[in-house]
């Protein structure tokens, strides 16, 4: 495990060990940061769509022009 992965694991273990109210407070604080919130939304969308087939940009643009 790399030092970076170890830090992430320690953070995650510490976060999960907190009482639910404290975890919720931390998440609420993170979501108040607009840049973090946007990143989180992007990650969630990518995760949801990770199994969708990819499409070349040219095909997408051609379809978009037809609309």
PDB file of N, CA and C in Angstrom:
ATOM      1  N   UNK A   1       0.858  -1.175   0.000  1.00  0.00           N
ATOM      2  CA  UNK A   1       0.000   0.000   0.000  1.00  0.00           C
ATOM      3  C   UNK A   1       0.902   1.236   0.000  1.00  0.00           C
ATOM      4  N   UNK A   2       0.607   2.158  -0.904  1.00  0.00           N
ATOM      5  CA  UNK A   2       1.407   3.379  -0.997  1.00  0.00           C
ATOM      6  C   UNK A   2       1.080   4.306   0.182  1.00  0.00           C
ATOM      7  N   UNK A   3       1.972   5.259   0.470  1.00  0.00           N
ATOM      8  CA  UNK A   3       1.680   6.215   1.557  1.00  0.00           C
ATOM      9  C   UNK A   3       0.366   6.968   1.330  1.00  0.00           C
ATOM     10  N   UNK A   4       0.082   7.312   0.077  1.00  0.00           N
ATOM     11  CA  UNK A   4      -1.160   8.014  -0.233  1.00  0.00           C
ATOM     12  C   UNK A   4      -2.374   7.131   0.058  1.00  0.00           C
ATOM     13  N   UNK A   5      -2.304   5.875  -0.355  1.00  0.00           N
ATOM     14  CA  UNK A   5      -3.411   4.948  -0.084  1.00  0.00           C
ATOM     15  C   UNK A   5      -3.580   4.722   1.406  1.00  0.00           C
ATOM     16  N   UNK A   6      -2.461   4.667   2.141  1.00  0.00           N
ATOM     17  CA  UNK A   6      -2.531   4.472   3.587  1.00  0.00           C
ATOM     18  C   UNK A   6      -3.219   5.655   4.258  1.00  0.00           C
ATOM     19  N   UNK A   7      -2.909   6.870   3.817  1.00  0.00           N
ATOM     20  CA  UNK A   7      -3.565   8.061   4.380  1.00  0.00           C
ATOM     21  C   UNK A   7      -5.064   8.015   4.130  1.00  0.00           C
ATOM     22  N   UNK A   8      -5.429   7.649   2.906  1.00  0.00           N
ATOM     23  CA  UNK A   8      -6.860   7.564   2.576  1.00  0.00           C
ATOM     24  C   UNK A   8      -7.563   6.528   3.447  1.00  0.00           C
ATOM     25  N   UNK A   9      -6.916   5.403   3.648  1.00  0.00           N
ATOM     26  CA  UNK A   9      -7.504   4.339   4.468  1.00  0.00           C
ATOM     27  C   UNK A   9      -7.659   4.783   5.917  1.00  0.00           C
ATOM     28  N   UNK A  10      -6.649   5.454   6.448  1.00  0.00           N
ATOM     29  CA  UNK A  10      -6.716   5.948   7.833  1.00  0.00           C
ATOM     30  C   UNK A  10      -7.848   6.957   7.971  1.00  0.00           C
ATOM     31  N   UNK A  11      -7.948   7.880   6.998  1.00  0.00           N
ATOM     32  CA  UNK A  11      -9.027   8.864   7.025  1.00  0.00           C
ATOM     33  C   UNK A  11     -10.385   8.173   7.002  1.00  0.00           C
ATOM     34  N   UNK A  12     -10.533   7.193   6.101  1.00  0.00           N
ATOM     35  CA  UNK A  12     -11.817   6.503   5.959  1.00  0.00           C
ATOM     36  C   UNK A  12     -12.194   5.762   7.238  1.00  0.00           C
ATOM     37  N   UNK A  13     -11.235   5.076   7.837  1.00  0.00           N
ATOM     38  CA  UNK A  13     -11.493   4.344   9.082  1.00  0.00           C
ATOM     39  C   UNK A  13     -11.900   5.314  10.188  1.00  0.00           C
ATOM     40  N   UNK A  14     -11.179   6.446  10.277  1.00  0.00           N
ATOM     41  CA  UNK A  14     -11.505   7.447  11.302  1.00  0.00           C
ATOM     42  C   UNK A  14     -12.897   8.020  11.068  1.00  0.00           C
ATOM     43  N   UNK A  15     -13.214   8.333   9.815  1.00  0.00           N
ATOM     44  CA  UNK A  15     -14.526   8.887   9.482  1.00  0.00           C
ATOM     45  C   UNK A  15     -15.640   7.902   9.838  1.00  0.00           C
ATOM     46  N   UNK A  16     -15.466   6.645   9.440  1.00  0.00           N
ATOM     47  CA  UNK A  16     -16.493   5.640   9.714  1.00  0.00           C
ATOM     48  C   UNK A  16     -16.665   5.361  11.204  1.00  0.00           C
ATOM     49  N   UNK A  17     -15.629   5.624  11.994  1.00  0.00           N
ATOM     50  CA  UNK A  17     -15.723   5.357  13.431  1.00  0.00           C
ATOM     51  C   UNK A  17     -16.475   6.461  14.179  1.00  0.00           C
ATOM     52  N   UNK A  18     -16.712   7.594  13.520  1.00  0.00           N
ATOM     53  CA  UNK A  18     -17.434   8.690  14.166  1.00  0.00           C
ATOM     54  C   UNK A  18     -18.912   8.351  14.315  1.00  0.00           C
ATOM     55  N   UNK A  19     -19.558   8.929  15.314  1.00  0.00           N
ATOM     56  CA  UNK A  19     -21.012   8.760  15.419  1.00  0.00           C
ATOM     57  C   UNK A  19     -21.692   9.348  14.175  1.00  0.00           C
ATOM     58  N   UNK A  20     -22.861   8.848  13.865  1.00  0.00           N
ATOM     59  CA  UNK A  20     -23.576   9.245  12.659  1.00  0.00           C
ATOM     60  C   UNK A  20     -23.775  10.761  12.570  1.00  0.00           C
ATOM     61  N   UNK A  21     -24.115  11.417  13.664  1.00  0.00           N
ATOM     62  CA  UNK A  21     -24.335  12.873  13.645  1.00  0.00           C
ATOM     63  C   UNK A  21     -23.061  13.620  13.260  1.00  0.00           C
ATOM     64  N   UNK A  22     -21.923  13.164  13.751  1.00  0.00           N
ATOM     65  CA  UNK A  22     -20.655  13.818  13.415  1.00  0.00           C
ATOM     66  C   UNK A  22     -20.294  13.585  11.952  1.00  0.00           C
ATOM     67  N   UNK A  23     -20.536  12.374  11.445  1.00  0.00           N
ATOM     68  CA  UNK A  23     -20.290  12.105  10.019  1.00  0.00           C
ATOM     69  C   UNK A  23     -21.171  13.001   9.161  1.00  0.00           C
ATOM     70  N   UNK A  24     -22.436  13.128   9.544  1.00  0.00           N
ATOM     71  CA  UNK A  24     -23.370  13.966   8.803  1.00  0.00           C
ATOM     72  C   UNK A  24     -22.909  15.421   8.813  1.00  0.00           C
ATOM     73  N   UNK A  25     -22.424  15.885   9.940  1.00  0.00           N
ATOM     74  CA  UNK A  25     -21.930  17.257  10.047  1.00  0.00           C
ATOM     75  C   UNK A  25     -20.745  17.498   9.111  1.00  0.00           C
ATOM     76  N   UNK A  26     -19.856  16.537   9.019  1.00  0.00           N
ATOM     77  CA  UNK A  26     -18.698  16.661   8.128  1.00  0.00           C
ATOM     78  C   UNK A  26     -19.149  16.694   6.675  1.00  0.00           C
ATOM     79  N   UNK A  27     -20.065  15.808   6.311  1.00  0.00           N
ATOM     80  CA  UNK A  27     -20.564  15.769   4.932  1.00  0.00           C
ATOM     81  C   UNK A  27     -21.263  17.082   4.590  1.00  0.00           C
ATOM     82  N   UNK A  28     -22.070  17.593   5.499  1.00  0.00           N
ATOM     83  CA  UNK A  28     -22.754  18.863   5.257  1.00  0.00           C
ATOM     84  C   UNK A  28     -21.740  19.980   5.038  1.00  0.00           C
ATOM     85  N   UNK A  29     -20.697  19.977   5.824  1.00  0.00           N
ATOM     86  CA  UNK A  29     -19.653  21.007   5.671  1.00  0.00           C
ATOM     87  C   UNK A  29     -18.953  20.877   4.319  1.00  0.00           C
ATOM     88  N   UNK A  30     -18.675  19.655   3.901  1.00  0.00           N
ATOM     89  CA  UNK A  30     -18.048  19.442   2.597  1.00  0.00           C
ATOM     90  C   UNK A  30     -18.965  19.915   1.472  1.00  0.00           C
ATOM     91  N   UNK A  31     -20.258  19.655   1.590  1.00  0.00           N
ATOM     92  CA  UNK A  31     -21.194  20.027   0.533  1.00  0.00           C
ATOM     93  C   UNK A  31     -21.411  21.532   0.435  1.00  0.00           C
ATOM     94  N   UNK A  32     -21.072  22.262   1.477  1.00  0.00           N
ATOM     95  CA  UNK A  32     -21.163  23.728   1.419  1.00  0.00           C
ATOM     96  C   UNK A  32     -20.092  24.310   0.505  1.00  0.00           C
ATOM     97  N   UNK A  33     -19.033  23.555   0.266  1.00  0.00           N
ATOM     98  CA  UNK A  33     -17.961  23.979  -0.635  1.00  0.00           C
ATOM     99  C   UNK A  33     -18.424  23.687  -2.062  1.00  0.00           C
ATOM    100  N   UNK A  34     -18.723  24.732  -2.833  1.00  0.00           N
ATOM    101  CA  UNK A  34     -19.313  24.538  -4.162  1.00  0.00           C
ATOM    102  C   UNK A  34     -18.405  23.737  -5.094  1.00  0.00           C
ATOM    103  N   UNK A  35     -17.101  23.951  -5.046  1.00  0.00           N
ATOM    104  CA  UNK A  35     -16.195  23.201  -5.916  1.00  0.00           C
ATOM    105  C   UNK A  35     -16.222  21.713  -5.569  1.00  0.00           C
ATOM    106  N   UNK A  36     -16.180  21.401  -4.269  1.00  0.00           N
ATOM    107  CA  UNK A  36     -16.244  20.001  -3.844  1.00  0.00           C
ATOM    108  C   UNK A  36     -17.578  19.380  -4.234  1.00  0.00           C
ATOM    109  N   UNK A  37     -18.647  20.127  -4.030  1.00  0.00           N
ATOM    110  CA  UNK A  37     -19.985  19.631  -4.349  1.00  0.00           C
ATOM    111  C   UNK A  37     -20.103  19.313  -5.839  1.00  0.00           C
ATOM    112  N   UNK A  38     -19.584  20.197  -6.694  1.00  0.00           N
ATOM    113  CA  UNK A  38     -19.617  19.948  -8.132  1.00  0.00           C
ATOM    114  C   UNK A  38     -18.792  18.708  -8.490  1.00  0.00           C
ATOM    115  N   UNK A  39     -17.622  18.570  -7.869  1.00  0.00           N
ATOM    116  CA  UNK A  39     -16.784  17.392  -8.117  1.00  0.00           C
ATOM    117  C   UNK A  39     -17.510  16.113  -7.707  1.00  0.00           C
ATOM    118  N   UNK A  40     -18.184  16.159  -6.573  1.00  0.00           N
ATOM    119  CA  UNK A  40     -18.916  14.998  -6.082  1.00  0.00           C
ATOM    120  C   UNK A  40     -20.039  14.602  -7.035  1.00  0.00           C
ATOM    121  N   UNK A  41     -20.745  15.594  -7.556  1.00  0.00           N
ATOM    122  CA  UNK A  41     -21.808  15.320  -8.522  1.00  0.00           C
ATOM    123  C   UNK A  41     -21.220  14.692  -9.781  1.00  0.00           C
ATOM    124  N   UNK A  42     -20.103  15.246 -10.260  1.00  0.00           N
ATOM    125  CA  UNK A  42     -19.443  14.686 -11.449  1.00  0.00           C
ATOM    126  C   UNK A  42     -19.033  13.234 -11.225  1.00  0.00           C
ATOM    127  N   UNK A  43     -18.463  12.950 -10.069  1.00  0.00           N
ATOM    128  CA  UNK A  43     -18.032  11.584  -9.751  1.00  0.00           C
ATOM    129  C   UNK A  43     -19.234  10.639  -9.706  1.00  0.00           C
ATOM    130  N   UNK A  44     -20.326  11.096  -9.107  1.00  0.00           N
ATOM    131  CA  UNK A  44     -21.531  10.259  -9.017  1.00  0.00           C
ATOM    132  C   UNK A  44     -22.083   9.950 -10.405  1.00  0.00           C
ATOM    133  N   UNK A  45     -22.111  10.951 -11.285  1.00  0.00           N
ATOM    134  CA  UNK A  45     -22.611  10.736 -12.644  1.00  0.00           C
ATOM    135  C   UNK A  45     -21.705   9.769 -13.394  1.00  0.00           C
ATOM    136  N   UNK A  46     -20.398   9.958 -13.286  1.00  0.00           N
ATOM    137  CA  UNK A  46     -19.461   9.040 -13.950  1.00  0.00           C
ATOM    138  C   UNK A  46     -19.640   7.614 -13.451  1.00  0.00           C
ATOM    139  N   UNK A  47     -19.820   7.461 -12.153  1.00  0.00           N
ATOM    140  CA  UNK A  47     -20.000   6.133 -11.569  1.00  0.00           C
ATOM    141  C   UNK A  47     -21.281   5.477 -12.103  1.00  0.00           C
ATOM    142  N   UNK A  48     -22.360   6.253 -12.188  1.00  0.00           N
ATOM    143  CA  UNK A  48     -23.628   5.726 -12.694  1.00  0.00           C
ATOM    144  C   UNK A  48     -23.524   5.298 -14.149  1.00  0.00           C
ATOM    145  N   UNK A  49     -22.710   6.020 -14.926  1.00  0.00           N
ATOM    146  CA  UNK A  49     -22.670   5.793 -16.365  1.00  0.00           C
ATOM    147  C   UNK A  49     -21.462   4.983 -16.821  1.00  0.00           C
ATOM    148  N   UNK A  50     -20.687   4.437 -15.876  1.00  0.00           N
ATOM    149  CA  UNK A  50     -19.435   3.778 -16.240  1.00  0.00           C
ATOM    150  C   UNK A  50     -19.611   2.563 -17.142  1.00  0.00           C
ATOM    151  N   UNK A  51     -20.774   1.941 -17.144  1.00  0.00           N
ATOM    152  CA  UNK A  51     -20.994   0.759 -17.975  1.00  0.00           C
ATOM    153  C   UNK A  51     -21.658   1.076 -19.313  1.00  0.00           C
ATOM    154  N   UNK A  52     -21.949   2.353 -19.540  1.00  0.00           N
ATOM    155  CA  UNK A  52     -22.532   2.735 -20.822  1.00  0.00           C
ATOM    156  C   UNK A  52     -21.452   2.699 -21.901  1.00  0.00           C
ATOM    157  N   UNK A  53     -21.838   2.337 -23.108  1.00  0.00           N
ATOM    158  CA  UNK A  53     -20.841   2.327 -24.181  1.00  0.00           C
ATOM    159  C   UNK A  53     -20.385   3.753 -24.499  1.00  0.00           C
ATOM    160  N   UNK A  54     -19.134   3.882 -24.873  1.00  0.00           N
ATOM    161  CA  UNK A  54     -18.626   5.201 -25.229  1.00  0.00           C
ATOM    162  C   UNK A  54     -19.026   5.511 -26.664  1.00  0.00           C
ATOM    163  N   UNK A  55     -18.958   6.794 -26.995  1.00  0.00           N
ATOM    164  CA  UNK A  55     -19.353   7.243 -28.320  1.00  0.00           C
ATOM    165  C   UNK A  55     -18.324   8.282 -28.774  1.00  0.00           C
ATOM    166  N   UNK A  56     -17.869   8.180 -30.013  1.00  0.00           N
ATOM    167  CA  UNK A  56     -16.930   9.190 -30.508  1.00  0.00           C
ATOM    168  C   UNK A  56     -17.568  10.582 -30.482  1.00  0.00           C
ATOM    169  N   UNK A  57     -16.766  11.596 -30.196  1.00  0.00           N
ATOM    170  CA  UNK A  57     -17.258  12.970 -30.122  1.00  0.00           C
ATOM    171  C   UNK A  57     -17.937  13.387 -31.419  1.00  0.00           C
ATOM    172  N   UNK A  58     -17.373  12.996 -32.536  1.00  0.00           N
ATOM    173  CA  UNK A  58     -17.953  13.371 -33.831  1.00  0.00           C
ATOM    174  C   UNK A  58     -19.379  12.839 -33.963  1.00  0.00           C
ATOM    175  N   UNK A  59     -19.619  11.612 -33.508  1.00  0.00           N
ATOM    176  CA  UNK A  59     -20.967  11.036 -33.556  1.00  0.00           C
ATOM    177  C   UNK A  59     -21.934  11.819 -32.671  1.00  0.00           C
ATOM    178  N   UNK A  60     -21.478  12.154 -31.481  1.00  0.00           N
ATOM    179  CA  UNK A  60     -22.316  12.921 -30.549  1.00  0.00           C
ATOM    180  C   UNK A  60     -22.682  14.272 -31.160  1.00  0.00           C
ATOM    181  N   UNK A  61     -21.684  14.959 -31.716  1.00  0.00           N
ATOM    182  CA  UNK A  61     -21.934  16.279 -32.302  1.00  0.00           C
ATOM    183  C   UNK A  61     -22.872  16.184 -33.492  1.00  0.00           C
ATOM    184  N   UNK A  62     -22.720  15.143 -34.311  1.00  0.00           N
ATOM    185  CA  UNK A  62     -23.606  14.946 -35.453  1.00  0.00           C
ATOM    186  C   UNK A  62     -25.052  14.723 -34.992  1.00  0.00           C
ATOM    187  N   UNK A  63     -25.239  13.928 -33.955  1.00  0.00           N
ATOM    188  CA  UNK A  63     -26.572  13.676 -33.398  1.00  0.00           C
ATOM    189  C   UNK A  63     -27.168  14.953 -32.828  1.00  0.00           C
ATOM    190  N   UNK A  64     -26.323  15.723 -32.173  1.00  0.00           N
ATOM    191  CA  UNK A  64     -26.785  16.967 -31.549  1.00  0.00           C
ATOM    192  C   UNK A  64     -27.259  17.960 -32.605  1.00  0.00           C
ATOM    193  N   UNK A  65     -26.575  18.022 -33.738  1.00  0.00           N
ATOM    194  CA  UNK A  65     -26.960  18.933 -34.808  1.00  0.00           C
ATOM    195  C   UNK A  65     -28.302  18.551 -35.426  1.00  0.00           C
ATOM    196  N   UNK A  66     -28.621  17.259 -35.427  1.00  0.00           N
ATOM    197  CA  UNK A  66     -29.882  16.782 -36.015  1.00  0.00           C
ATOM    198  C   UNK A  66     -31.085  17.222 -35.185  1.00  0.00           C
ATOM    199  N   UNK A  67     -30.879  17.489 -33.909  1.00  0.00           N
ATOM    200  CA  UNK A  67     -32.005  17.841 -33.012  1.00  0.00           C
ATOM    201  C   UNK A  67     -32.508  19.214 -33.281  1.00  0.00           C
TER     202      UNK A  67
END
